[in-house]
Amino acid sequence: MNKQALKRKNNVQQAVANERLEGLKVSKESRKIADNYIVGKASAKAVAKKIRARYGVI
């Protein structure tokens, strides 16, 4: 895994940890969407938009 992918993976891990601190659970579907960000197939902005849309938050 290259440096950028490692940084993106860390960003996702931090986001998931923040959700857990809030008492929330990240769905498998949201993790799959985030995995596209980690491997560079989607931007953070696109991933956030897609996840927000899943939950009706736009």
PDB file of N, CA and C in Angstrom:
ATOM      1  N   MET A   1       0.854  -1.176   0.000  1.00  0.00           N
ATOM      2  CA  MET A   1       0.000   0.000   0.000  1.00  0.00           C
ATOM      3  C   MET A   1       0.899   1.238   0.000  1.00  0.00           C
ATOM      4  N   ASN A   2       0.606   2.181  -0.901  1.00  0.00           N
ATOM      5  CA  ASN A   2       1.435   3.382  -0.982  1.00  0.00           C
ATOM      6  C   ASN A   2       1.082   4.382   0.116  1.00  0.00           C
ATOM      7  N   LYS A   3       1.860   5.464   0.195  1.00  0.00           N
ATOM      8  CA  LYS A   3       1.685   6.462   1.252  1.00  0.00           C
ATOM      9  C   LYS A   3       0.291   7.084   1.258  1.00  0.00           C
ATOM     10  N   GLN A   4      -0.201   7.413   0.072  1.00  0.00           N
ATOM     11  CA  GLN A   4      -1.525   8.036  -0.014  1.00  0.00           C
ATOM     12  C   GLN A   4      -2.609   7.078   0.459  1.00  0.00           C
ATOM     13  N   ALA A   5      -2.512   5.834   0.063  1.00  0.00           N
ATOM     14  CA  ALA A   5      -3.497   4.841   0.476  1.00  0.00           C
ATOM     15  C   ALA A   5      -3.453   4.633   1.989  1.00  0.00           C
ATOM     16  N   LEU A   6      -2.257   4.617   2.559  1.00  0.00           N
ATOM     17  CA  LEU A   6      -2.125   4.480   4.010  1.00  0.00           C
ATOM     18  C   LEU A   6      -2.752   5.667   4.729  1.00  0.00           C
ATOM     19  N   LYS A   7      -2.552   6.858   4.188  1.00  0.00           N
ATOM     20  CA  LYS A   7      -3.137   8.058   4.793  1.00  0.00           C
ATOM     21  C   LYS A   7      -4.666   7.992   4.704  1.00  0.00           C
ATOM     22  N   ARG A   8      -5.190   7.584   3.541  1.00  0.00           N
ATOM     23  CA  ARG A   8      -6.639   7.462   3.383  1.00  0.00           C
ATOM     24  C   ARG A   8      -7.195   6.393   4.325  1.00  0.00           C
ATOM     25  N   LYS A   9      -6.472   5.282   4.480  1.00  0.00           N
ATOM     26  CA  LYS A   9      -6.905   4.223   5.394  1.00  0.00           C
ATOM     27  C   LYS A   9      -6.960   4.754   6.823  1.00  0.00           C
ATOM     28  N   ASN A  10      -5.958   5.518   7.209  1.00  0.00           N
ATOM     29  CA  ASN A  10      -5.944   6.109   8.545  1.00  0.00           C
ATOM     30  C   ASN A  10      -7.125   7.068   8.725  1.00  0.00           C
ATOM     31  N   ASN A  11      -7.425   7.855   7.694  1.00  0.00           N
ATOM     32  CA  ASN A  11      -8.568   8.766   7.763  1.00  0.00           C
ATOM     33  C   ASN A  11      -9.863   8.003   8.010  1.00  0.00           C
ATOM     34  N   VAL A  12     -10.039   6.892   7.310  1.00  0.00           N
ATOM     35  CA  VAL A  12     -11.246   6.083   7.480  1.00  0.00           C
ATOM     36  C   VAL A  12     -11.275   5.472   8.880  1.00  0.00           C
ATOM     37  N   GLN A  13     -10.157   4.976   9.348  1.00  0.00           N
ATOM     38  CA  GLN A  13     -10.104   4.390  10.689  1.00  0.00           C
ATOM     39  C   GLN A  13     -10.457   5.430  11.750  1.00  0.00           C
ATOM     40  N   GLN A  14      -9.986   6.654  11.571  1.00  0.00           N
ATOM     41  CA  GLN A  14     -10.308   7.730  12.512  1.00  0.00           C
ATOM     42  C   GLN A  14     -11.802   8.045  12.482  1.00  0.00           C
ATOM     43  N   ALA A  15     -12.375   8.090  11.297  1.00  0.00           N
ATOM     44  CA  ALA A  15     -13.811   8.370  11.159  1.00  0.00           C
ATOM     45  C   ALA A  15     -14.639   7.273  11.832  1.00  0.00           C
ATOM     46  N   VAL A  16     -14.247   6.023  11.630  1.00  0.00           N
ATOM     47  CA  VAL A  16     -14.955   4.904  12.246  1.00  0.00           C
ATOM     48  C   VAL A  16     -14.823   4.975  13.769  1.00  0.00           C
ATOM     49  N   ALA A  17     -13.639   5.299  14.259  1.00  0.00           N
ATOM     50  CA  ALA A  17     -13.417   5.425  15.700  1.00  0.00           C
ATOM     51  C   ALA A  17     -14.291   6.543  16.277  1.00  0.00           C
ATOM     52  N   ASN A  18     -14.407   7.651  15.550  1.00  0.00           N
ATOM     53  CA  ASN A  18     -15.257   8.749  16.019  1.00  0.00           C
ATOM     54  C   ASN A  18     -16.714   8.313  16.098  1.00  0.00           C
ATOM     55  N   GLU A  19     -17.158   7.551  15.117  1.00  0.00           N
ATOM     56  CA  GLU A  19     -18.531   7.047  15.136  1.00  0.00           C
ATOM     57  C   GLU A  19     -18.754   6.149  16.348  1.00  0.00           C
ATOM     58  N   ARG A  20     -17.796   5.300  16.641  1.00  0.00           N
ATOM     59  CA  ARG A  20     -17.908   4.405  17.802  1.00  0.00           C
ATOM     60  C   ARG A  20     -17.961   5.198  19.098  1.00  0.00           C
ATOM     61  N   LEU A  21     -17.167   6.262  19.198  1.00  0.00           N
ATOM     62  CA  LEU A  21     -17.195   7.109  20.390  1.00  0.00           C
ATOM     63  C   LEU A  21     -18.566   7.746  20.585  1.00  0.00           C
ATOM     64  N   GLU A  22     -19.260   7.985  19.487  1.00  0.00           N
ATOM     65  CA  GLU A  22     -20.604   8.560  19.544  1.00  0.00           C
ATOM     66  C   GLU A  22     -21.666   7.487  19.791  1.00  0.00           C
ATOM     67  N   GLY A  23     -21.230   6.232  19.887  1.00  0.00           N
ATOM     68  CA  GLY A  23     -22.158   5.140  20.132  1.00  0.00           C
ATOM     69  C   GLY A  23     -22.824   4.622  18.874  1.00  0.00           C
ATOM     70  N   LEU A  24     -22.249   4.938  17.725  1.00  0.00           N
ATOM     71  CA  LEU A  24     -22.817   4.519  16.454  1.00  0.00           C
ATOM     72  C   LEU A  24     -21.993   3.391  15.841  1.00  0.00           C
ATOM     73  N   LYS A  25     -22.610   2.687  14.918  1.00  0.00           N
ATOM     74  CA  LYS A  25     -21.933   1.599  14.221  1.00  0.00           C
ATOM     75  C   LYS A  25     -21.923   1.918  12.729  1.00  0.00           C
ATOM     76  N   VAL A  26     -20.788   1.735  12.097  1.00  0.00           N
ATOM     77  CA  VAL A  26     -20.660   1.969  10.657  1.00  0.00           C
ATOM     78  C   VAL A  26     -21.116   0.706   9.929  1.00  0.00           C
ATOM     79  N   SER A  27     -22.044   0.875   9.004  1.00  0.00           N
ATOM     80  CA  SER A  27     -22.595  -0.269   8.278  1.00  0.00           C
ATOM     81  C   SER A  27     -21.569  -0.864   7.310  1.00  0.00           C
ATOM     82  N   LYS A  28     -21.824  -2.096   6.923  1.00  0.00           N
ATOM     83  CA  LYS A  28     -20.960  -2.760   5.940  1.00  0.00           C
ATOM     84  C   LYS A  28     -20.990  -2.003   4.621  1.00  0.00           C
ATOM     85  N   GLU A  29     -22.163  -1.494   4.261  1.00  0.00           N
ATOM     86  CA  GLU A  29     -22.295  -0.754   3.007  1.00  0.00           C
ATOM     87  C   GLU A  29     -21.449   0.519   3.031  1.00  0.00           C
ATOM     88  N   SER A  30     -21.480   1.214   4.162  1.00  0.00           N
ATOM     89  CA  SER A  30     -20.671   2.436   4.284  1.00  0.00           C
ATOM     90  C   SER A  30     -19.180   2.113   4.249  1.00  0.00           C
ATOM     91  N   ARG A  31     -18.802   0.998   4.855  1.00  0.00           N
ATOM     92  CA  ARG A  31     -17.392   0.586   4.813  1.00  0.00           C
ATOM     93  C   ARG A  31     -16.967   0.267   3.385  1.00  0.00           C
ATOM     94  N   LYS A  32     -17.849  -0.362   2.612  1.00  0.00           N
ATOM     95  CA  LYS A  32     -17.534  -0.661   1.215  1.00  0.00           C
ATOM     96  C   LYS A  32     -17.333   0.624   0.421  1.00  0.00           C
ATOM     97  N   ILE A  33     -18.181   1.606   0.689  1.00  0.00           N
ATOM     98  CA  ILE A  33     -18.038   2.905   0.028  1.00  0.00           C
ATOM     99  C   ILE A  33     -16.701   3.537   0.431  1.00  0.00           C
ATOM    100  N   ALA A  34     -16.373   3.475   1.712  1.00  0.00           N
ATOM    101  CA  ALA A  34     -15.115   4.043   2.205  1.00  0.00           C
ATOM    102  C   ALA A  34     -13.908   3.308   1.636  1.00  0.00           C
ATOM    103  N   ASP A  35     -14.052   2.019   1.392  1.00  0.00           N
ATOM    104  CA  ASP A  35     -12.948   1.247   0.805  1.00  0.00           C
ATOM    105  C   ASP A  35     -12.572   1.786  -0.578  1.00  0.00           C
ATOM    106  N   ASN A  36     -13.556   2.298  -1.307  1.00  0.00           N
ATOM    107  CA  ASN A  36     -13.255   2.909  -2.607  1.00  0.00           C
ATOM    108  C   ASN A  36     -12.371   4.136  -2.437  1.00  0.00           C
ATOM    109  N   TYR A  37     -12.566   4.870  -1.365  1.00  0.00           N
ATOM    110  CA  TYR A  37     -11.714   6.016  -1.047  1.00  0.00           C
ATOM    111  C   TYR A  37     -10.298   5.543  -0.714  1.00  0.00           C
ATOM    112  N   ILE A  38     -10.198   4.519   0.088  1.00  0.00           N
ATOM    113  CA  ILE A  38      -8.883   4.022   0.517  1.00  0.00           C
ATOM    114  C   ILE A  38      -8.027   3.636  -0.685  1.00  0.00           C
ATOM    115  N   VAL A  39      -8.620   2.933  -1.642  1.00  0.00           N
ATOM    116  CA  VAL A  39      -7.841   2.472  -2.795  1.00  0.00           C
ATOM    117  C   VAL A  39      -7.727   3.525  -3.899  1.00  0.00           C
ATOM    118  N   GLY A  40      -8.339   4.684  -3.681  1.00  0.00           N
ATOM    119  CA  GLY A  40      -8.199   5.776  -4.639  1.00  0.00           C
ATOM    120  C   GLY A  40      -9.206   5.772  -5.769  1.00  0.00           C
ATOM    121  N   LYS A  41     -10.275   4.984  -5.642  1.00  0.00           N
ATOM    122  CA  LYS A  41     -11.297   4.929  -6.694  1.00  0.00           C
ATOM    123  C   LYS A  41     -12.315   6.057  -6.557  1.00  0.00           C
ATOM    124  N   ALA A  42     -12.338   6.724  -5.402  1.00  0.00           N
ATOM    125  CA  ALA A  42     -13.283   7.818  -5.164  1.00  0.00           C
ATOM    126  C   ALA A  42     -12.634   8.852  -4.256  1.00  0.00           C
ATOM    127  N   SER A  43     -13.031  10.095  -4.431  1.00  0.00           N
ATOM    128  CA  SER A  43     -12.510  11.161  -3.573  1.00  0.00           C
ATOM    129  C   SER A  43     -13.256  11.153  -2.235  1.00  0.00           C
ATOM    130  N   ALA A  44     -12.673  11.812  -1.246  1.00  0.00           N
ATOM    131  CA  ALA A  44     -13.316  11.925   0.061  1.00  0.00           C
ATOM    132  C   ALA A  44     -14.654  12.638  -0.082  1.00  0.00           C
ATOM    133  N   LYS A  45     -14.693  13.660  -0.918  1.00  0.00           N
ATOM    134  CA  LYS A  45     -15.922  14.422  -1.125  1.00  0.00           C
ATOM    135  C   LYS A  45     -17.010  13.540  -1.724  1.00  0.00           C
ATOM    136  N   ALA A  46     -16.658  12.738  -2.708  1.00  0.00           N
ATOM    137  CA  ALA A  46     -17.629  11.854  -3.359  1.00  0.00           C
ATOM    138  C   ALA A  46     -18.137  10.793  -2.385  1.00  0.00           C
ATOM    139  N   VAL A  47     -17.246  10.257  -1.579  1.00  0.00           N
ATOM    140  CA  VAL A  47     -17.621   9.234  -0.607  1.00  0.00           C
ATOM    141  C   VAL A  47     -18.552   9.827   0.449  1.00  0.00           C
ATOM    142  N   ALA A  48     -18.208  11.010   0.961  1.00  0.00           N
ATOM    143  CA  ALA A  48     -19.055  11.655   1.965  1.00  0.00           C
ATOM    144  C   ALA A  48     -20.440  11.928   1.398  1.00  0.00           C
ATOM    145  N   LYS A  49     -20.493  12.400   0.163  1.00  0.00           N
ATOM    146  CA  LYS A  49     -21.771  12.693  -0.474  1.00  0.00           C
ATOM    147  C   LYS A  49     -22.614  11.424  -0.620  1.00  0.00           C
ATOM    148  N   LYS A  50     -21.979  10.343  -1.021  1.00  0.00           N
ATOM    149  CA  LYS A  50     -22.686   9.076  -1.221  1.00  0.00           C
ATOM    150  C   LYS A  50     -23.204   8.524   0.111  1.00  0.00           C
ATOM    151  N   ILE A  51     -22.395   8.591   1.161  1.00  0.00           N
ATOM    152  CA  ILE A  51     -22.811   8.083   2.461  1.00  0.00           C
ATOM    153  C   ILE A  51     -23.928   8.958   3.032  1.00  0.00           C
ATOM    154  N   ARG A  52     -23.801  10.267   2.904  1.00  0.00           N
ATOM    155  CA  ARG A  52     -24.861  11.163   3.383  1.00  0.00           C
ATOM    156  C   ARG A  52     -26.170  10.879   2.647  1.00  0.00           C
ATOM    157  N   ALA A  53     -26.089  10.657   1.355  1.00  0.00           N
ATOM    158  CA  ALA A  53     -27.281  10.382   0.560  1.00  0.00           C
ATOM    159  C   ALA A  53     -27.972   9.093   1.003  1.00  0.00           C
ATOM    160  N   ARG A  54     -27.187   8.112   1.419  1.00  0.00           N
ATOM    161  CA  ARG A  54     -27.762   6.847   1.904  1.00  0.00           C
ATOM    162  C   ARG A  54     -28.658   7.061   3.117  1.00  0.00           C
ATOM    163  N   TYR A  55     -28.302   8.070   3.921  1.00  0.00           N
ATOM    164  CA  TYR A  55     -29.033   8.313   5.160  1.00  0.00           C
ATOM    165  C   TYR A  55     -29.934   9.537   5.083  1.00  0.00           C
ATOM    166  N   GLY A  56     -30.097  10.082   3.886  1.00  0.00           N
ATOM    167  CA  GLY A  56     -30.991  11.216   3.699  1.00  0.00           C
ATOM    168  C   GLY A  56     -30.460  12.535   4.211  1.00  0.00           C
ATOM    169  N   VAL A  57     -29.141  12.631   4.373  1.00  0.00           N
ATOM    170  CA  VAL A  57     -28.515  13.873   4.829  1.00  0.00           C
ATOM    171  C   VAL A  57     -27.766  14.470   3.656  1.00  0.00           C
ATOM    172  N   ILE A  58     -28.262  15.568   3.134  1.00  0.00           N
ATOM    173  CA  ILE A  58     -27.617  16.156   1.959  1.00  0.00           C
ATOM    174  C   ILE A  58     -27.175  17.550   2.211  1.00  0.00           C
TER     175      ILE A  58
END
